[in-house]
Amino acid sequence: FILCTSDPIFIPPILLLHFVLKSPTAAGDSAPGYQKGKKEDEVISVDNFWARLVKGCIVSFINTLQGWGSILLIPSLFTYLSAKGNRFTKQQELLFLVLLYGGAKLVGRVGGIFLIRYVPFRPLQTTLSIIIAVAYLVLSIMQSSLLATVLAMTTANMCYCVTRSELTIMEFDKFYFGTERLVLANGFMAGSGMVGAVFGATAAQFLSSNIAIIITLVLSCVQVGTFFSITEC
């Protein structure tokens, strides 16, 4: 149901932006006096556009899957911990949710401002992806430990937010995608992120926490390799 209702939302805008928008050479742009006050747009062309786009869509899909999946995965983990003998009141569980989700992501957003500014894209994102993969590996091994769960999910959510911030910038990066098909690239990256959100939430909701963790771990390893292969940034 989620897939059927999400696809019609982002696919038509991509097609409309790519095929319907008028080009700068339309008749209205060539009207007398139009060009006098208009600065000529900078045209940037890049090699291997489709390879760049595929890499961007892969990391956007996985990153959003990690973020949206954690929204439903965290309650599932506490349900699992409760079944293993860790008893939580409703207030304690809500406090953990605030700290692991809201607090960790707030720290990640603020810290990302400085990391993105001073650390190059490729080493930063590859390192963050490795940290996320290690966090889910620890979670898969020590899922019954409250301390391991708290530390792993806090670390993963902080790293997710830093990566999400830079991927949002990447969607509009004319030096990475070029100017000729920048709108097309932005639409596909945004669409792949939406699909990732659907898959992440679906896996966390309908699969067991163990399987959801393994899926996220495997995809996080794919993300490491993909970020490492992005040599253009």
C-alpha atoms as a PDB file:
ATOM      1  CA  PHE A   1       0.000   0.000   0.000  1.00  0.00           C
ATOM      2  CA  ILE A   2       2.792   2.426   0.905  1.00  0.00           C
ATOM      3  CA  LEU A   3       4.655   1.708  -2.332  1.00  0.00           C
ATOM      4  CA  CYS A   4       1.513   2.131  -4.430  1.00  0.00           C
ATOM      5  CA  THR A   5       0.689   5.455  -2.804  1.00  0.00           C
ATOM      6  CA  SER A   6       4.274   6.804  -2.877  1.00  0.00           C
ATOM      7  CA  ASP A   7       5.209   6.040  -6.491  1.00  0.00           C
ATOM      8  CA  PRO A   8       2.567   8.336  -8.058  1.00  0.00           C
ATOM      9  CA  ILE A   9       3.787  11.186  -5.865  1.00  0.00           C
ATOM     10  CA  PHE A  10       7.401  11.479  -7.027  1.00  0.00           C
ATOM     11  CA  ILE A  11       7.464   9.890 -10.500  1.00  0.00           C
ATOM     12  CA  PRO A  12       5.196  12.437 -12.317  1.00  0.00           C
ATOM     13  CA  PRO A  13       7.144  15.487 -11.051  1.00  0.00           C
ATOM     14  CA  ILE A  14      10.391  13.946 -12.317  1.00  0.00           C
ATOM     15  CA  LEU A  15       8.887  13.398 -15.758  1.00  0.00           C
ATOM     16  CA  LEU A  16       7.296  16.849 -15.822  1.00  0.00           C
ATOM     17  CA  LEU A  17      10.518  18.594 -14.834  1.00  0.00           C
ATOM     18  CA  HIS A  18      12.490  16.688 -17.437  1.00  0.00           C
ATOM     19  CA  PHE A  19      10.144  16.839 -20.435  1.00  0.00           C
ATOM     20  CA  VAL A  20       7.755  19.765 -19.935  1.00  0.00           C
ATOM     21  CA  LEU A  21       9.807  22.702 -18.683  1.00  0.00           C
ATOM     22  CA  LYS A  22      10.642  25.218 -21.382  1.00  0.00           C
ATOM     23  CA  SER A  23      14.246  25.614 -22.387  1.00  0.00           C
ATOM     24  CA  PRO A  24      16.038  28.981 -22.006  1.00  0.00           C
ATOM     25  CA  THR A  25      15.798  29.435 -25.784  1.00  0.00           C
ATOM     26  CA  ALA A  26      11.997  29.583 -25.735  1.00  0.00           C
ATOM     27  CA  ALA A  27      10.329  32.374 -27.642  1.00  0.00           C
ATOM     28  CA  GLY A  28       9.670  34.416 -24.538  1.00  0.00           C
ATOM     29  CA  ASP A  29      13.336  34.511 -23.632  1.00  0.00           C
ATOM     30  CA  SER A  30      14.293  35.931 -27.023  1.00  0.00           C
ATOM     31  CA  ALA A  31      11.908  38.880 -26.798  1.00  0.00           C
ATOM     32  CA  PRO A  32      13.475  42.319 -27.422  1.00  0.00           C
ATOM     33  CA  GLY A  33      15.131  43.695 -24.319  1.00  0.00           C
ATOM     34  CA  TYR A  34      14.900  40.428 -22.411  1.00  0.00           C
ATOM     35  CA  GLN A  35      18.592  39.650 -22.593  1.00  0.00           C
ATOM     36  CA  LYS A  36      19.767  43.157 -21.765  1.00  0.00           C
ATOM     37  CA  GLY A  37      19.346  42.863 -18.034  1.00  0.00           C
ATOM     38  CA  LYS A  38      19.890  39.142 -17.845  1.00  0.00           C
ATOM     39  CA  LYS A  39      23.237  37.645 -16.881  1.00  0.00           C
ATOM     40  CA  GLU A  40      24.230  34.708 -19.037  1.00  0.00           C
ATOM     41  CA  ASP A  41      23.882  31.450 -17.126  1.00  0.00           C
ATOM     42  CA  GLU A  42      27.021  29.437 -16.478  1.00  0.00           C
ATOM     43  CA  VAL A  43      27.011  26.109 -18.302  1.00  0.00           C
ATOM     44  CA  ILE A  44      28.930  23.285 -16.621  1.00  0.00           C
ATOM     45  CA  SER A  45      29.298  19.903 -18.297  1.00  0.00           C
ATOM     46  CA  VAL A  46      30.522  16.785 -16.519  1.00  0.00           C
ATOM     47  CA  ASP A  47      31.703  13.380 -17.652  1.00  0.00           C
ATOM     48  CA  ASN A  48      30.009  10.126 -16.617  1.00  0.00           C
ATOM     49  CA  PHE A  49      26.760  11.821 -15.614  1.00  0.00           C
ATOM     50  CA  TRP A  50      24.797   8.572 -15.366  1.00  0.00           C
ATOM     51  CA  ALA A  51      27.455   6.899 -13.239  1.00  0.00           C
ATOM     52  CA  ARG A  52      27.404   9.900 -10.907  1.00  0.00           C
ATOM     53  CA  LEU A  53      23.618   9.775 -10.782  1.00  0.00           C
ATOM     54  CA  VAL A  54      23.522   6.055  -9.973  1.00  0.00           C
ATOM     55  CA  LYS A  55      25.995   6.542  -7.134  1.00  0.00           C
ATOM     56  CA  GLY A  56      24.011   9.490  -5.806  1.00  0.00           C
ATOM     57  CA  CYS A  57      20.746   7.544  -5.918  1.00  0.00           C
ATOM     58  CA  ILE A  58      22.305   4.538  -4.147  1.00  0.00           C
ATOM     59  CA  VAL A  59      23.658   6.552  -1.229  1.00  0.00           C
ATOM     60  CA  SER A  60      20.462   8.616  -0.995  1.00  0.00           C
ATOM     61  CA  PHE A  61      18.347   5.435  -0.911  1.00  0.00           C
ATOM     62  CA  ILE A  62      20.477   3.775   1.776  1.00  0.00           C
ATOM     63  CA  ASN A  63      20.898   6.883   3.895  1.00  0.00           C
ATOM     64  CA  THR A  64      17.169   7.596   4.016  1.00  0.00           C
ATOM     65  CA  LEU A  65      16.473   3.923   4.714  1.00  0.00           C
ATOM     66  CA  GLN A  66      18.790   4.150   7.719  1.00  0.00           C
ATOM     67  CA  GLY A  67      17.137   7.287   9.061  1.00  0.00           C
ATOM     68  CA  TRP A  68      13.484   6.419   8.564  1.00  0.00           C
ATOM     69  CA  GLY A  69      14.059   2.797   9.504  1.00  0.00           C
ATOM     70  CA  SER A  70      15.472   3.823  12.873  1.00  0.00           C
ATOM     71  CA  ILE A  71      12.222   5.630  13.724  1.00  0.00           C
ATOM     72  CA  LEU A  72      10.400   2.297  13.946  1.00  0.00           C
ATOM     73  CA  LEU A  73      13.430   0.130  14.729  1.00  0.00           C
ATOM     74  CA  ILE A  74      14.140   1.785  18.084  1.00  0.00           C
ATOM     75  CA  PRO A  75      10.723   0.878  19.597  1.00  0.00           C
ATOM     76  CA  SER A  76      11.149  -2.662  18.229  1.00  0.00           C
ATOM     77  CA  LEU A  77      14.515  -2.931  19.938  1.00  0.00           C
ATOM     78  CA  PHE A  78      13.055  -1.862  23.279  1.00  0.00           C
ATOM     79  CA  THR A  79      10.265  -4.387  22.856  1.00  0.00           C
ATOM     80  CA  TYR A  80      12.946  -7.040  22.293  1.00  0.00           C
ATOM     81  CA  LEU A  81      14.899  -5.830  25.352  1.00  0.00           C
ATOM     82  CA  SER A  82      11.750  -5.981  27.469  1.00  0.00           C
ATOM     83  CA  ALA A  83      11.203  -9.571  26.382  1.00  0.00           C
ATOM     84  CA  LYS A  84      14.760 -10.361  27.502  1.00  0.00           C
ATOM     85  CA  GLY A  85      14.110  -9.131  31.047  1.00  0.00           C
ATOM     86  CA  ASN A  86      14.814  -5.382  30.797  1.00  0.00           C
ATOM     87  CA  ARG A  87      11.739  -3.671  32.184  1.00  0.00           C
ATOM     88  CA  PHE A  88      10.908  -0.119  31.157  1.00  0.00           C
ATOM     89  CA  THR A  89       8.117   2.168  32.168  1.00  0.00           C
ATOM     90  CA  LYS A  90       6.349   4.100  29.449  1.00  0.00           C
ATOM     91  CA  GLN A  91       8.082   7.282  30.578  1.00  0.00           C
ATOM     92  CA  GLN A  92      11.525   5.658  30.442  1.00  0.00           C
ATOM     93  CA  GLU A  93      10.885   4.319  26.953  1.00  0.00           C
ATOM     94  CA  LEU A  94       9.782   7.752  25.728  1.00  0.00           C
ATOM     95  CA  LEU A  95      12.890   9.302  27.265  1.00  0.00           C
ATOM     96  CA  PHE A  96      15.088   6.823  25.413  1.00  0.00           C
ATOM     97  CA  LEU A  97      13.259   7.598  22.180  1.00  0.00           C
ATOM     98  CA  VAL A  98      13.863  11.316  22.651  1.00  0.00           C
ATOM     99  CA  LEU A  99      17.567  10.800  23.381  1.00  0.00           C
ATOM    100  CA  LEU A 100      18.272   8.181  20.713  1.00  0.00           C
ATOM    101  CA  TYR A 101      16.279   9.810  17.948  1.00  0.00           C
ATOM    102  CA  GLY A 102      15.758  13.512  18.619  1.00  0.00           C
ATOM    103  CA  GLY A 103      18.860  14.242  20.692  1.00  0.00           C
ATOM    104  CA  ALA A 104      21.266  12.243  18.552  1.00  0.00           C
ATOM    105  CA  LYS A 105      19.964  13.773  15.348  1.00  0.00           C
ATOM    106  CA  LEU A 106      20.125  17.282  16.767  1.00  0.00           C
ATOM    107  CA  VAL A 107      23.784  16.769  17.685  1.00  0.00           C
ATOM    108  CA  GLY A 108      24.410  15.292  14.243  1.00  0.00           C
ATOM    109  CA  ARG A 109      22.829  18.247  12.460  1.00  0.00           C
ATOM    110  CA  VAL A 110      24.812  20.803  14.445  1.00  0.00           C
ATOM    111  CA  GLY A 111      28.067  18.854  14.228  1.00  0.00           C
ATOM    112  CA  GLY A 112      27.548  18.330  10.532  1.00  0.00           C
ATOM    113  CA  ILE A 113      27.775  22.080   9.925  1.00  0.00           C
ATOM    114  CA  PHE A 114      31.426  22.054  10.967  1.00  0.00           C
ATOM    115  CA  LEU A 115      32.358  18.623   9.598  1.00  0.00           C
ATOM    116  CA  ILE A 116      30.966  19.350   6.128  1.00  0.00           C
ATOM    117  CA  ARG A 117      32.766  22.673   6.048  1.00  0.00           C
ATOM    118  CA  TYR A 118      36.228  21.493   7.050  1.00  0.00           C
ATOM    119  CA  VAL A 119      36.419  17.813   6.006  1.00  0.00           C
ATOM    120  CA  PRO A 120      36.400  16.756   2.312  1.00  0.00           C
ATOM    121  CA  PHE A 121      33.373  14.849   1.073  1.00  0.00           C
ATOM    122  CA  ARG A 122      34.879  11.464   0.235  1.00  0.00           C
ATOM    123  CA  PRO A 123      36.908  10.774   3.420  1.00  0.00           C
ATOM    124  CA  LEU A 124      34.171  12.179   5.654  1.00  0.00           C
ATOM    125  CA  GLN A 125      31.289  10.213   4.175  1.00  0.00           C
ATOM    126  CA  THR A 126      33.289   7.006   3.834  1.00  0.00           C
ATOM    127  CA  THR A 127      34.297   7.244   7.502  1.00  0.00           C
ATOM    128  CA  LEU A 128      30.745   7.980   8.626  1.00  0.00           C
ATOM    129  CA  SER A 129      29.439   5.030   6.586  1.00  0.00           C
ATOM    130  CA  ILE A 130      32.003   2.728   8.214  1.00  0.00           C
ATOM    131  CA  ILE A 131      30.932   3.964  11.658  1.00  0.00           C
ATOM    132  CA  ILE A 132      27.261   3.298  10.828  1.00  0.00           C
ATOM    133  CA  ALA A 133      28.107  -0.199   9.551  1.00  0.00           C
ATOM    134  CA  VAL A 134      30.087  -0.945  12.718  1.00  0.00           C
ATOM    135  CA  ALA A 135      27.207   0.353  14.859  1.00  0.00           C
ATOM    136  CA  TYR A 136      24.749  -2.038  13.195  1.00  0.00           C
ATOM    137  CA  LEU A 137      27.283  -4.869  13.416  1.00  0.00           C
ATOM    138  CA  VAL A 138      27.561  -4.301  17.179  1.00  0.00           C
ATOM    139  CA  LEU A 139      23.789  -4.121  17.377  1.00  0.00           C
ATOM    140  CA  SER A 140      23.402  -7.429  15.543  1.00  0.00           C
ATOM    141  CA  ILE A 141      25.848  -9.145  17.925  1.00  0.00           C
ATOM    142  CA  MET A 142      24.820  -7.506  21.212  1.00  0.00           C
ATOM    143  CA  GLN A 143      21.145  -6.781  20.639  1.00  0.00           C
ATOM    144  CA  SER A 144      20.190  -7.978  24.118  1.00  0.00           C
ATOM    145  CA  SER A 145      22.468  -5.384  25.754  1.00  0.00           C
ATOM    146  CA  LEU A 146      20.800  -2.096  26.669  1.00  0.00           C
ATOM    147  CA  LEU A 147      24.123  -0.215  26.700  1.00  0.00           C
ATOM    148  CA  ALA A 148      25.128  -1.545  23.277  1.00  0.00           C
ATOM    149  CA  THR A 149      21.719  -0.650  21.841  1.00  0.00           C
ATOM    150  CA  VAL A 150      21.846   2.896  23.188  1.00  0.00           C
ATOM    151  CA  LEU A 151      25.414   3.551  22.020  1.00  0.00           C
ATOM    152  CA  ALA A 152      24.941   1.941  18.600  1.00  0.00           C
ATOM    153  CA  MET A 153      21.692   3.735  17.739  1.00  0.00           C
ATOM    154  CA  THR A 154      22.952   7.072  19.066  1.00  0.00           C
ATOM    155  CA  THR A 155      26.108   6.833  16.968  1.00  0.00           C
ATOM    156  CA  ALA A 156      24.259   5.665  13.854  1.00  0.00           C
ATOM    157  CA  ASN A 157      21.679   8.452  14.076  1.00  0.00           C
ATOM    158  CA  MET A 158      24.310  11.153  14.558  1.00  0.00           C
ATOM    159  CA  CYS A 159      26.281   9.929  11.537  1.00  0.00           C
ATOM    160  CA  TYR A 160      23.075   9.612   9.511  1.00  0.00           C
ATOM    161  CA  CYS A 161      22.248  13.286  10.047  1.00  0.00           C
ATOM    162  CA  VAL A 162      25.680  14.498   8.938  1.00  0.00           C
ATOM    163  CA  THR A 163      25.424  12.404   5.775  1.00  0.00           C
ATOM    164  CA  ARG A 164      21.833  13.473   5.122  1.00  0.00           C
ATOM    165  CA  SER A 165      22.854  17.139   5.276  1.00  0.00           C
ATOM    166  CA  GLU A 166      25.630  16.665   2.727  1.00  0.00           C
ATOM    167  CA  LEU A 167      23.478  14.555   0.415  1.00  0.00           C
ATOM    168  CA  THR A 168      20.880  17.338   0.406  1.00  0.00           C
ATOM    169  CA  ILE A 169      23.594  19.699  -0.792  1.00  0.00           C
ATOM    170  CA  MET A 170      24.769  17.114  -3.309  1.00  0.00           C
ATOM    171  CA  GLU A 171      21.325  17.020  -4.943  1.00  0.00           C
ATOM    172  CA  PHE A 172      21.836  20.639  -6.066  1.00  0.00           C
ATOM    173  CA  ASP A 173      25.592  20.462  -6.738  1.00  0.00           C
ATOM    174  CA  LYS A 174      26.133  21.789 -10.253  1.00  0.00           C
ATOM    175  CA  PHE A 175      29.818  20.894 -10.123  1.00  0.00           C
ATOM    176  CA  TYR A 176      28.989  17.231  -9.488  1.00  0.00           C
ATOM    177  CA  PHE A 177      26.003  16.809 -11.826  1.00  0.00           C
ATOM    178  CA  GLY A 178      26.591  19.721 -14.199  1.00  0.00           C
ATOM    179  CA  THR A 179      23.987  22.319 -15.075  1.00  0.00           C
ATOM    180  CA  GLU A 180      22.419  20.688 -18.129  1.00  0.00           C
ATOM    181  CA  ARG A 181      20.664  17.852 -16.257  1.00  0.00           C
ATOM    182  CA  LEU A 182      20.795  19.106 -12.697  1.00  0.00           C
ATOM    183  CA  VAL A 183      17.006  19.101 -12.288  1.00  0.00           C
ATOM    184  CA  LEU A 184      16.820  15.522 -13.533  1.00  0.00           C
ATOM    185  CA  ALA A 185      19.522  14.449 -11.069  1.00  0.00           C
ATOM    186  CA  ASN A 186      17.801  16.236  -8.208  1.00  0.00           C
ATOM    187  CA  GLY A 187      14.502  14.531  -8.999  1.00  0.00           C
ATOM    188  CA  PHE A 188      16.014  11.056  -9.136  1.00  0.00           C
ATOM    189  CA  MET A 189      18.022  11.520  -5.940  1.00  0.00           C
ATOM    190  CA  ALA A 190      14.992  12.855  -4.090  1.00  0.00           C
ATOM    191  CA  GLY A 191      12.848  10.019  -5.453  1.00  0.00           C
ATOM    192  CA  SER A 192      15.359   7.348  -4.440  1.00  0.00           C
ATOM    193  CA  GLY A 193      15.410   8.860  -0.962  1.00  0.00           C
ATOM    194  CA  MET A 194      11.634   8.534  -0.737  1.00  0.00           C
ATOM    195  CA  VAL A 195      11.820   4.900  -1.815  1.00  0.00           C
ATOM    196  CA  GLY A 196      14.501   4.322   0.819  1.00  0.00           C
ATOM    197  CA  ALA A 197      12.244   5.816   3.465  1.00  0.00           C
ATOM    198  CA  VAL A 198       9.440   3.450   2.436  1.00  0.00           C
ATOM    199  CA  PHE A 199      11.681   0.380   2.494  1.00  0.00           C
ATOM    200  CA  GLY A 200      13.298   1.357   5.810  1.00  0.00           C
ATOM    201  CA  ALA A 201      10.000   1.934   7.564  1.00  0.00           C
ATOM    202  CA  THR A 202       8.484  -1.214   6.042  1.00  0.00           C
ATOM    203  CA  ALA A 203      11.408  -3.413   7.104  1.00  0.00           C
ATOM    204  CA  ALA A 204      11.395  -2.066  10.658  1.00  0.00           C
ATOM    205  CA  GLN A 205       7.632  -2.408  10.990  1.00  0.00           C
ATOM    206  CA  PHE A 206       6.880  -5.768   9.384  1.00  0.00           C
ATOM    207  CA  LEU A 207      10.129  -7.715   9.805  1.00  0.00           C
ATOM    208  CA  SER A 208      11.740  -8.830  13.030  1.00  0.00           C
ATOM    209  CA  SER A 209      14.325  -6.482  14.529  1.00  0.00           C
ATOM    210  CA  ASN A 210      17.089  -9.020  13.813  1.00  0.00           C
ATOM    211  CA  ILE A 211      16.302  -9.156  10.095  1.00  0.00           C
ATOM    212  CA  ALA A 212      15.878  -5.374   9.872  1.00  0.00           C
ATOM    213  CA  ILE A 213      19.290  -4.890  11.493  1.00  0.00           C
ATOM    214  CA  ILE A 214      20.968  -7.367   9.118  1.00  0.00           C
ATOM    215  CA  ILE A 215      19.406  -5.696   6.070  1.00  0.00           C
ATOM    216  CA  THR A 216      20.566  -2.274   7.240  1.00  0.00           C
ATOM    217  CA  LEU A 217      24.039  -3.649   8.011  1.00  0.00           C
ATOM    218  CA  VAL A 218      24.439  -5.121   4.520  1.00  0.00           C
ATOM    219  CA  LEU A 219      23.224  -1.931   2.849  1.00  0.00           C
ATOM    220  CA  SER A 220      25.513   0.139   5.081  1.00  0.00           C
ATOM    221  CA  CYS A 221      28.464  -1.884   3.761  1.00  0.00           C
ATOM    222  CA  VAL A 222      27.267  -1.144   0.220  1.00  0.00           C
ATOM    223  CA  GLN A 223      27.138   2.521   1.171  1.00  0.00           C
ATOM    224  CA  VAL A 224      30.772   2.416   2.306  1.00  0.00           C
ATOM    225  CA  GLY A 225      31.907   1.129  -1.079  1.00  0.00           C
ATOM    226  CA  THR A 226      29.723   3.588  -2.980  1.00  0.00           C
ATOM    227  CA  PHE A 227      30.998   6.634  -1.090  1.00  0.00           C
ATOM    228  CA  PHE A 228      34.572   5.421  -1.534  1.00  0.00           C
ATOM    229  CA  SER A 229      33.999   5.181  -5.300  1.00  0.00           C
ATOM    230  CA  ILE A 230      32.774   8.804  -5.555  1.00  0.00           C
ATOM    231  CA  THR A 231      36.062  10.369  -6.593  1.00  0.00           C
ATOM    232  CA  GLU A 232      34.471  13.366  -8.307  1.00  0.00           C
ATOM    233  CA  CYS A 233      33.764  15.299  -5.079  1.00  0.00           C
END
